[in-house]
Amino acid sequence: MLVMRVGSPRGGRRPGPAWPRRRLPQTAAFAVGSATLVLTFLSSGAPIPLYNTYRLENGISSGGLALTTVIYFVTTALSLLLLGRLSDHLGRRPVGIAALLSSLAGSLVLMHVATLPTLVCGRVLQGLACGIASSALGSYVVDIAPDRPRWLPGLITSVVPPVAVPLGAIISGALVEYGPAPRLLIFVIMVCALGLGALLLVACPESVAERRPAAAVRTLRPRVLVPAGAGRPVFVAGAVAVATWSLGGFFQAFAPALTSDRLGTENTFVVAVVFASLSVLSPIGGSLTGRLSAGTAVRIGLGVFVTGAVLVTAAVSVGTIAPFLVASFAAGIGQGAAASGSMRGVLSRTHPDERAGVLSTIFLISYCGAAVPGLITSRLTSHVSLVHITYGYLTLVVTAAALAVAATRRPSRRPSPEPDGPLQPRLADEPA
């Protein structure tokens, strides 16, 4: 039976596993896993710049577009809740490939949007893909990550979702505004890229040593997994997620109205830049604070993020785009530092067989943190001004950030499962 490998109790390190033939080497497999995780969320951002086109050319109302955003978040959250632990029993690769194929199908549907149900169908498929990928591909990246730098898997799993979605929106916005076939081109590109990613993932080694299909049925029961002793790190990560994802949800839902009504332009590419500005620089924050302790990174990151959010709110009130973008970019750097630090804190207290479930729990909190405020504000748009909605989001951000900072003051006492280095699974394809 294949077993887990850990650092030697005397401080030495055992040699790495011999990788199976006809499979990609570890570095390449890590790159493929990371790239396919990025692609899944990248494709999810592609339709956002087209929302105004659907409104003007197809008569889909603003309320319908807001409802589509909420349905996307709810689908992703339910996918995490019901399917988040499947890869622990069926393997990371097959479940990850299923996520890529669901995203590919969503892009195919979105090529033909003419009515609200078609748009909702495409977004549901993309939400399903993002939910599955968050746990399956996120866990795969952690499983096969190189030993150094130790902060890299935490950075990737925490930053990819909030960064790749707006990056996809930027690419899509540029193609919609300046390229040919604006309603088709971005989705054709995504279909090709996702198909290639699925083929490359087939060539990667599996990181789950023992597959238990019969046990997979039990994982379909809704369950939020918080390992014993890891409650405080999970709480910190959840509070960070609510603070950062709620503001990100505001940007996704209101970027077109924000850009047009408060910042003075209707250019599709500018709308995409406004939407992306909050998250696109997040990796910088994660890399800058990668050598700090998890708690310190969270406190510094949230300090920068909250300051940026306050300045964003002020810029919306005044109606000036340059200060808005500067403040939003700064908030994004703080978001990356806080999210990466909180994820490192969770991963250091989580055993490999708990990773998919824990990541699902955190991403479930993240999507609920975006969906619930979005559902509330979608009901208030005809009664409350955009500026006052911004004030409401700022209040939520400050409250969640304060709770996260307070919780970092008393770290969990559960011993780390990484006494001499991160746990490394022996690959299922690898001979014992």
Protein backbone atom coordinates (compact mmCIF):
# COMPACT_ATOMS: atom_id res chain seq x y z
CA MET A 1 0.00 0.00 0.00
CA LEU A 2 1.28 3.43 -0.90
CA VAL A 3 1.90 5.71 2.05
CA MET A 4 2.53 9.36 2.79
CA ARG A 5 6.07 10.62 3.01
CA VAL A 6 7.13 13.19 5.58
CA GLY A 7 10.41 14.75 6.57
CA SER A 8 12.68 12.58 8.63
CA PRO A 9 12.06 12.93 12.37
CA ARG A 10 15.75 13.56 12.81
CA GLY A 11 15.65 16.57 10.55
CA GLY A 12 16.83 14.93 7.34
CA ARG A 13 14.73 14.68 4.19
CA ARG A 14 14.01 11.49 2.36
CA PRO A 15 14.60 11.52 -1.36
CA GLY A 16 11.65 12.60 -3.49
CA PRO A 17 9.42 10.03 -5.17
CA ALA A 18 10.42 8.39 -8.42
CA TRP A 19 7.89 9.79 -10.88
CA PRO A 20 6.03 7.31 -13.07
CA ARG A 21 6.94 6.89 -16.68
CA ARG A 22 4.70 8.37 -19.37
CA ARG A 23 3.63 11.07 -16.94
CA LEU A 24 4.75 14.67 -16.74
CA PRO A 25 7.47 15.42 -14.17
CA GLN A 26 6.56 17.15 -10.92
CA THR A 27 7.44 20.68 -12.02
CA ALA A 28 5.45 20.35 -15.23
CA ALA A 29 2.50 18.75 -13.42
CA PHE A 30 2.51 21.58 -10.88
CA ALA A 31 2.50 24.10 -13.73
CA VAL A 32 -0.36 22.30 -15.48
CA GLY A 33 -2.39 22.09 -12.27
CA SER A 34 -1.87 25.78 -11.58
CA ALA A 35 -2.61 26.77 -15.18
CA THR A 36 -5.83 24.76 -15.37
CA LEU A 37 -6.99 26.27 -12.08
CA VAL A 38 -6.31 29.72 -13.55
CA LEU A 39 -8.08 28.85 -16.82
CA THR A 40 -11.26 27.74 -15.06
CA PHE A 41 -11.62 31.07 -13.28
CA LEU A 42 -10.32 33.04 -16.28
CA SER A 43 -13.18 31.71 -18.39
CA SER A 44 -15.63 32.67 -15.64
CA GLY A 45 -14.65 36.33 -16.01
CA ALA A 46 -15.08 36.36 -19.79
CA PRO A 47 -18.83 37.12 -19.96
CA ILE A 48 -18.79 40.07 -17.55
CA PRO A 49 -17.82 42.82 -20.06
CA LEU A 50 -20.58 41.55 -22.36
CA TYR A 51 -23.33 42.15 -19.80
CA ASN A 52 -24.01 45.65 -21.11
CA THR A 53 -24.14 44.24 -24.67
CA TYR A 54 -26.72 41.68 -23.60
CA ARG A 55 -28.73 44.45 -21.95
CA LEU A 56 -28.70 46.73 -25.00
CA GLU A 57 -28.94 44.18 -27.83
CA ASN A 58 -31.00 41.40 -26.25
CA GLY A 59 -33.16 43.31 -23.78
CA ILE A 60 -31.90 41.51 -20.69
CA SER A 61 -32.68 43.84 -17.80
CA SER A 62 -30.22 45.08 -15.19
CA GLY A 63 -32.20 43.12 -12.60
CA GLY A 64 -31.79 39.99 -14.70
CA LEU A 65 -28.05 40.55 -14.93
CA ALA A 66 -27.80 41.05 -11.17
CA LEU A 67 -29.81 37.87 -10.64
CA THR A 68 -27.43 36.02 -12.97
CA THR A 69 -24.50 37.09 -10.82
CA VAL A 70 -26.20 35.85 -7.65
CA ILE A 71 -27.12 32.52 -9.30
CA TYR A 72 -23.49 32.09 -10.37
CA PHE A 73 -22.26 32.60 -6.80
CA VAL A 74 -24.95 30.32 -5.34
CA THR A 75 -24.16 27.56 -7.86
CA THR A 76 -20.48 27.76 -7.01
CA ALA A 77 -21.22 27.63 -3.29
CA LEU A 78 -23.52 24.61 -3.67
CA SER A 79 -20.94 22.90 -5.85
CA LEU A 80 -18.37 23.35 -3.11
CA LEU A 81 -20.77 22.16 -0.42
CA LEU A 82 -21.93 19.03 -2.26
CA LEU A 83 -18.98 18.10 -4.48
CA GLY A 84 -16.01 19.63 -2.70
CA ARG A 85 -14.69 16.36 -1.24
CA LEU A 86 -15.13 14.11 -4.27
CA SER A 87 -11.49 14.39 -5.29
CA ASP A 88 -10.39 12.94 -1.94
CA HIS A 89 -11.94 9.63 -3.04
CA LEU A 90 -12.06 9.72 -6.86
CA GLY A 91 -8.70 11.40 -7.43
CA ARG A 92 -7.69 14.97 -8.20
CA ARG A 93 -7.21 14.45 -11.95
CA PRO A 94 -10.60 13.00 -12.97
CA VAL A 95 -12.53 15.51 -10.88
CA GLY A 96 -10.32 18.34 -12.15
CA ILE A 97 -10.93 17.25 -15.74
CA ALA A 98 -14.68 17.25 -15.06
CA ALA A 99 -14.37 20.86 -13.87
CA LEU A 100 -12.56 21.86 -17.07
CA LEU A 101 -15.20 20.17 -19.24
CA SER A 102 -18.00 21.93 -17.35
CA SER A 103 -16.28 25.27 -17.92
CA LEU A 104 -15.81 24.40 -21.60
CA ALA A 105 -19.52 23.58 -21.92
CA GLY A 106 -20.38 26.89 -20.29
CA SER A 107 -18.29 28.78 -22.85
CA LEU A 108 -20.05 26.91 -25.68
CA VAL A 109 -23.46 27.92 -24.29
CA LEU A 110 -22.40 31.56 -23.87
CA MET A 111 -21.55 31.77 -27.57
CA HIS A 112 -25.30 31.76 -28.23
CA VAL A 113 -26.75 34.13 -25.63
CA ALA A 114 -29.98 35.73 -26.81
CA THR A 115 -32.18 35.35 -23.73
CA LEU A 116 -31.73 35.41 -19.96
CA PRO A 117 -32.18 31.60 -19.53
CA THR A 118 -29.29 30.93 -21.93
CA LEU A 119 -27.06 33.34 -20.02
CA VAL A 120 -28.05 31.76 -16.71
CA CYS A 121 -27.37 28.26 -18.08
CA GLY A 122 -23.87 29.23 -19.20
CA ARG A 123 -23.09 30.87 -15.86
CA VAL A 124 -24.42 27.86 -13.93
CA LEU A 125 -22.02 25.58 -15.83
CA GLN A 126 -19.16 27.99 -15.10
CA GLY A 127 -20.13 28.23 -11.44
CA LEU A 128 -20.24 24.44 -11.18
CA ALA A 129 -16.77 24.29 -12.74
CA CYS A 130 -15.32 26.90 -10.39
CA GLY A 131 -16.70 25.13 -7.34
CA ILE A 132 -15.24 21.76 -8.34
CA ALA A 133 -11.93 23.27 -9.44
CA SER A 134 -11.51 25.21 -6.19
CA SER A 135 -11.22 21.98 -4.21
CA ALA A 136 -9.97 19.40 -6.74
CA LEU A 137 -7.42 21.45 -8.68
CA GLY A 138 -6.60 23.57 -5.62
CA SER A 139 -5.81 20.42 -3.64
CA TYR A 140 -3.82 19.00 -6.56
CA VAL A 141 -1.66 22.12 -6.64
CA VAL A 142 -0.99 21.80 -2.90
CA ASP A 143 -0.30 18.05 -3.19
CA ILE A 144 2.39 18.31 -5.86
CA ALA A 145 3.85 21.73 -5.03
CA PRO A 146 7.64 21.91 -4.72
CA ASP A 147 9.03 22.10 -1.19
CA ARG A 148 10.35 25.63 -1.78
CA PRO A 149 9.10 28.28 -1.63
CA ARG A 150 6.70 27.03 1.03
CA TRP A 151 4.34 29.99 0.57
CA LEU A 152 3.72 29.27 -3.14
CA PRO A 153 0.81 26.78 -2.91
CA GLY A 154 -0.99 28.98 -0.38
CA LEU A 155 -0.53 31.98 -2.67
CA ILE A 156 -1.88 30.12 -5.70
CA THR A 157 -4.92 28.60 -4.00
CA SER A 158 -5.91 31.84 -2.27
CA VAL A 159 -5.17 34.37 -5.01
CA VAL A 160 -6.11 32.55 -8.24
CA PRO A 161 -9.92 32.82 -7.90
CA PRO A 162 -10.11 36.56 -7.12
CA VAL A 163 -7.38 37.40 -9.66
CA ALA A 164 -8.17 35.13 -12.61
CA VAL A 165 -11.82 36.20 -12.87
CA PRO A 166 -11.02 39.93 -13.31
CA LEU A 167 -8.05 39.08 -15.55
CA GLY A 168 -10.44 37.15 -17.77
CA ALA A 169 -12.71 40.20 -17.77
CA ILE A 170 -9.82 42.45 -18.88
CA ILE A 171 -8.91 40.13 -21.76
CA SER A 172 -12.56 39.84 -22.74
CA GLY A 173 -13.12 43.59 -22.45
CA ALA A 174 -10.21 44.32 -24.78
CA LEU A 175 -11.47 41.79 -27.34
CA VAL A 176 -15.05 43.05 -27.10
CA GLU A 177 -14.03 46.70 -27.52
CA TYR A 178 -11.27 46.34 -30.12
CA GLY A 179 -11.44 42.83 -31.66
CA PRO A 180 -13.61 41.10 -34.26
CA ALA A 181 -16.71 39.04 -33.43
CA PRO A 182 -17.03 40.53 -29.93
CA ARG A 183 -19.72 38.07 -28.80
CA LEU A 184 -17.80 34.99 -29.93
CA LEU A 185 -14.03 35.44 -29.99
CA ILE A 186 -13.29 35.23 -26.27
CA PHE A 187 -15.39 32.08 -25.88
CA VAL A 188 -13.71 30.38 -28.86
CA ILE A 189 -10.34 31.08 -27.24
CA MET A 190 -11.53 29.72 -23.90
CA VAL A 191 -12.94 26.53 -25.44
CA CYS A 192 -9.60 25.80 -27.11
CA ALA A 193 -7.57 26.60 -23.98
CA LEU A 194 -9.79 24.54 -21.67
CA GLY A 195 -9.71 21.58 -24.05
CA LEU A 196 -5.91 21.72 -24.18
CA GLY A 197 -5.76 22.00 -20.38
CA ALA A 198 -7.91 18.88 -19.99
CA LEU A 199 -5.61 16.93 -22.31
CA LEU A 200 -2.51 18.05 -20.41
CA LEU A 201 -4.11 17.14 -17.09
CA VAL A 202 -4.64 13.60 -18.40
CA ALA A 203 -0.85 13.36 -18.76
CA CYS A 204 -0.22 14.43 -15.15
CA PRO A 205 0.36 11.96 -12.29
CA GLU A 206 -2.37 11.39 -9.73
CA SER A 207 -1.67 12.54 -6.16
CA VAL A 208 -4.40 10.58 -4.34
CA ALA A 209 -2.82 7.25 -3.48
CA GLU A 210 -5.97 5.27 -2.67
CA ARG A 211 -9.20 5.85 -4.57
CA ARG A 212 -12.45 4.88 -2.87
CA PRO A 213 -15.39 5.34 -5.29
CA ALA A 214 -17.84 3.77 -2.84
CA ALA A 215 -16.89 6.30 -0.18
CA ALA A 216 -17.38 9.15 -2.67
CA VAL A 217 -21.16 8.75 -2.42
CA ARG A 218 -21.05 9.69 1.25
CA THR A 219 -19.27 12.96 0.40
CA LEU A 220 -22.37 14.14 -1.48
CA ARG A 221 -24.03 14.83 1.84
CA PRO A 222 -23.62 18.52 2.69
CA ARG A 223 -20.83 18.95 5.20
CA VAL A 224 -18.64 21.82 6.30
CA LEU A 225 -15.24 20.45 7.31
CA VAL A 226 -13.21 22.18 10.02
CA PRO A 227 -10.52 19.83 11.38
CA ALA A 228 -10.09 19.60 15.14
CA GLY A 229 -7.67 22.27 16.32
CA ALA A 230 -7.88 24.25 13.06
CA GLY A 231 -10.98 26.25 13.95
CA ARG A 232 -9.18 29.53 14.56
CA PRO A 233 -7.15 29.52 11.30
CA VAL A 234 -10.31 28.61 9.38
CA PHE A 235 -12.20 31.44 11.12
CA VAL A 236 -9.43 33.89 10.17
CA ALA A 237 -9.46 32.70 6.56
CA GLY A 238 -13.25 32.92 6.47
CA ALA A 239 -13.31 36.46 7.86
CA VAL A 240 -10.61 37.51 5.38
CA ALA A 241 -12.67 35.93 2.60
CA VAL A 242 -15.84 37.80 3.62
CA ALA A 243 -13.97 41.11 3.75
CA THR A 244 -12.26 40.69 0.39
CA TRP A 245 -14.83 38.73 -1.62
CA SER A 246 -17.74 40.93 -0.57
CA LEU A 247 -16.01 43.97 -2.05
CA GLY A 248 -15.07 41.89 -5.09
CA GLY A 249 -18.72 40.93 -5.51
CA PHE A 250 -19.64 44.62 -5.37
CA PHE A 251 -17.17 45.35 -8.17
CA GLN A 252 -18.54 42.48 -10.30
CA ALA A 253 -22.18 43.49 -9.85
CA PHE A 254 -21.78 47.26 -10.13
CA ALA A 255 -18.67 47.88 -12.29
CA PRO A 256 -20.71 48.93 -15.38
CA ALA A 257 -22.97 51.30 -13.39
CA LEU A 258 -20.04 52.52 -11.31
CA THR A 259 -17.97 53.33 -14.39
CA SER A 260 -20.81 54.99 -16.26
CA ASP A 261 -22.65 56.85 -13.48
CA ARG A 262 -19.81 57.81 -11.14
CA LEU A 263 -16.57 57.66 -13.15
CA GLY A 264 -17.79 59.08 -16.46
CA THR A 265 -17.13 56.49 -19.21
CA GLU A 266 -18.94 53.59 -20.91
CA ASN A 267 -15.89 52.09 -22.65
CA THR A 268 -16.09 48.29 -22.28
CA PHE A 269 -12.37 47.91 -21.69
CA VAL A 270 -12.42 50.58 -18.95
CA VAL A 271 -15.34 48.78 -17.32
CA ALA A 272 -13.23 45.61 -17.28
CA VAL A 273 -10.24 47.48 -15.82
CA VAL A 274 -12.41 48.96 -13.07
CA PHE A 275 -13.75 45.50 -12.23
CA ALA A 276 -10.26 43.97 -12.28
CA SER A 277 -8.46 46.73 -10.40
CA LEU A 278 -9.35 45.33 -6.99
CA SER A 279 -7.73 41.94 -7.54
CA VAL A 280 -5.27 41.97 -10.40
CA LEU A 281 -2.28 42.94 -8.23
CA SER A 282 -3.10 40.49 -5.43
CA PRO A 283 -0.15 38.17 -6.21
CA ILE A 284 2.24 41.01 -5.40
CA GLY A 285 0.89 41.22 -1.86
CA GLY A 286 1.20 37.48 -1.37
CA SER A 287 4.80 37.38 -2.58
CA LEU A 288 5.85 40.45 -0.56
CA THR A 289 4.62 38.93 2.70
CA GLY A 290 5.51 35.32 1.92
CA ARG A 291 8.36 35.21 4.44
CA LEU A 292 6.31 36.71 7.27
CA SER A 293 4.28 34.61 9.68
CA ALA A 294 0.71 33.92 8.61
CA GLY A 295 -0.77 36.16 11.32
CA THR A 296 1.54 39.06 10.53
CA ALA A 297 0.74 38.80 6.82
CA VAL A 298 -2.99 38.85 7.59
CA ARG A 299 -2.72 41.92 9.82
CA ILE A 300 -0.56 43.91 7.41
CA GLY A 301 -2.62 42.85 4.40
CA LEU A 302 -5.94 43.77 5.96
CA GLY A 303 -4.56 47.11 7.12
CA VAL A 304 -3.65 47.97 3.52
CA PHE A 305 -6.91 46.51 2.18
CA VAL A 306 -9.18 48.45 4.53
CA THR A 307 -7.28 51.68 3.88
CA GLY A 308 -7.70 51.13 0.14
CA ALA A 309 -11.41 50.36 0.57
CA VAL A 310 -11.94 53.61 2.48
CA LEU A 311 -10.20 55.57 -0.29
CA VAL A 312 -12.22 53.72 -2.96
CA THR A 313 -15.42 54.77 -1.20
CA ALA A 314 -14.22 58.37 -1.05
CA ALA A 315 -13.37 58.32 -4.77
CA VAL A 316 -16.84 56.96 -5.61
CA SER A 317 -18.40 59.74 -3.56
CA VAL A 318 -16.36 62.40 -5.39
CA GLY A 319 -16.61 60.71 -8.80
CA THR A 320 -12.94 60.67 -9.87
CA ILE A 321 -11.51 57.68 -11.70
CA ALA A 322 -7.73 58.13 -11.19
CA PRO A 323 -7.80 58.12 -7.35
CA PHE A 324 -10.34 55.31 -7.52
CA LEU A 325 -8.00 53.09 -9.54
CA VAL A 326 -4.95 53.89 -7.39
CA ALA A 327 -6.84 53.06 -4.19
CA SER A 328 -8.32 49.92 -5.72
CA PHE A 329 -4.92 48.64 -6.91
CA ALA A 330 -3.50 49.25 -3.42
CA ALA A 331 -6.42 47.40 -1.83
CA GLY A 332 -5.73 44.50 -4.17
CA ILE A 333 -2.14 44.20 -2.94
CA GLY A 334 -3.41 44.12 0.64
CA GLN A 335 -6.01 41.54 -0.32
CA GLY A 336 -3.32 39.25 -1.73
CA ALA A 337 -1.21 39.50 1.43
CA ALA A 338 -4.15 38.79 3.74
CA ALA A 339 -5.61 35.96 1.66
CA SER A 340 -2.27 34.24 1.14
CA GLY A 341 -1.35 34.56 4.82
CA SER A 342 -4.68 33.20 6.02
CA MET A 343 -4.47 30.27 3.61
CA ARG A 344 -0.95 29.45 4.80
CA GLY A 345 -2.27 29.40 8.35
CA VAL A 346 -4.97 26.91 7.38
CA LEU A 347 -2.72 24.64 5.29
CA SER A 348 -0.13 24.41 8.06
CA ARG A 349 -2.83 22.92 10.33
CA THR A 350 -4.44 20.61 7.79
CA HIS A 351 -3.48 17.06 6.87
CA PRO A 352 -3.46 16.05 3.18
CA ASP A 353 -6.63 13.95 3.42
CA GLU A 354 -8.47 16.99 4.84
CA ARG A 355 -7.33 19.53 2.24
CA ALA A 356 -10.14 19.28 -0.29
CA GLY A 357 -12.81 19.52 2.41
CA VAL A 358 -11.13 22.46 4.15
CA LEU A 359 -10.56 24.34 0.88
CA SER A 360 -14.21 23.73 0.03
CA THR A 361 -15.25 25.20 3.37
CA ILE A 362 -13.17 28.33 2.85
CA PHE A 363 -14.34 28.85 -0.71
CA LEU A 364 -17.93 28.23 0.40
CA ILE A 365 -17.56 31.07 2.90
CA SER A 366 -15.95 33.17 0.16
CA TYR A 367 -18.78 32.75 -2.32
CA CYS A 368 -21.43 33.26 0.35
CA GLY A 369 -19.57 36.42 1.35
CA ALA A 370 -20.04 37.67 -2.21
CA ALA A 371 -23.51 36.25 -2.91
CA VAL A 372 -25.44 37.28 0.21
CA PRO A 373 -24.56 41.00 0.07
CA GLY A 374 -25.13 40.89 -3.70
CA LEU A 375 -28.61 39.44 -3.25
CA ILE A 376 -29.49 42.10 -0.68
CA THR A 377 -28.17 45.02 -2.72
CA SER A 378 -29.84 43.77 -5.93
CA ARG A 379 -33.14 44.34 -4.11
CA LEU A 380 -32.11 47.82 -3.01
CA THR A 381 -30.81 49.31 -6.26
CA SER A 382 -34.12 51.03 -7.08
CA HIS A 383 -34.35 52.57 -3.61
CA VAL A 384 -30.76 53.32 -2.54
CA SER A 385 -28.08 55.28 -4.40
CA LEU A 386 -24.85 53.64 -5.55
CA VAL A 387 -22.86 55.79 -3.13
CA HIS A 388 -24.90 54.56 -0.16
CA ILE A 389 -24.53 50.95 -1.34
CA THR A 390 -20.77 51.55 -1.33
CA TYR A 391 -20.99 52.74 2.28
CA GLY A 392 -22.79 49.53 3.21
CA TYR A 393 -20.09 47.38 1.65
CA LEU A 394 -17.38 49.37 3.42
CA THR A 395 -19.09 48.70 6.76
CA LEU A 396 -19.08 44.96 6.05
CA VAL A 397 -15.41 45.06 4.99
CA VAL A 398 -14.28 46.87 8.14
CA THR A 399 -16.29 44.56 10.42
CA ALA A 400 -15.00 41.33 8.87
CA ALA A 401 -11.41 42.63 8.79
CA ALA A 402 -11.56 43.59 12.47
CA LEU A 403 -12.77 40.09 13.40
CA ALA A 404 -9.97 38.49 11.38
CA VAL A 405 -7.27 40.65 12.97
CA ALA A 406 -8.62 39.97 16.46
CA ALA A 407 -8.59 36.21 15.83
CA THR A 408 -4.92 36.21 14.76
CA ARG A 409 -3.90 37.26 18.27
CA ARG A 410 -4.51 33.77 19.69
CA PRO A 411 -3.13 31.14 17.33
CA SER A 412 -4.41 27.57 17.32
CA ARG A 413 -2.41 25.11 19.42
CA ARG A 414 -2.79 22.10 17.17
CA PRO A 415 0.66 20.77 16.23
CA SER A 416 1.57 21.35 12.63
CA PRO A 417 1.50 18.27 10.41
CA GLU A 418 4.71 19.55 8.81
CA PRO A 419 7.44 19.05 11.43
CA ASP A 420 10.30 19.02 8.97
CA GLY A 421 8.65 19.99 5.75
CA PRO A 422 5.32 19.76 3.98
CA LEU A 423 3.62 16.41 3.65
CA GLN A 424 4.18 14.94 0.22
CA PRO A 425 1.84 12.28 -1.14
CA ARG A 426 3.39 9.41 -3.01
CA LEU A 427 1.74 9.41 -6.41
CA ALA A 428 -0.94 6.84 -7.13
CA ASP A 429 0.71 6.05 -10.47
CA GLU A 430 4.06 5.52 -8.81
CA PRO A 431 5.25 1.98 -8.07
CA ALA A 432 5.61 1.26 -4.35
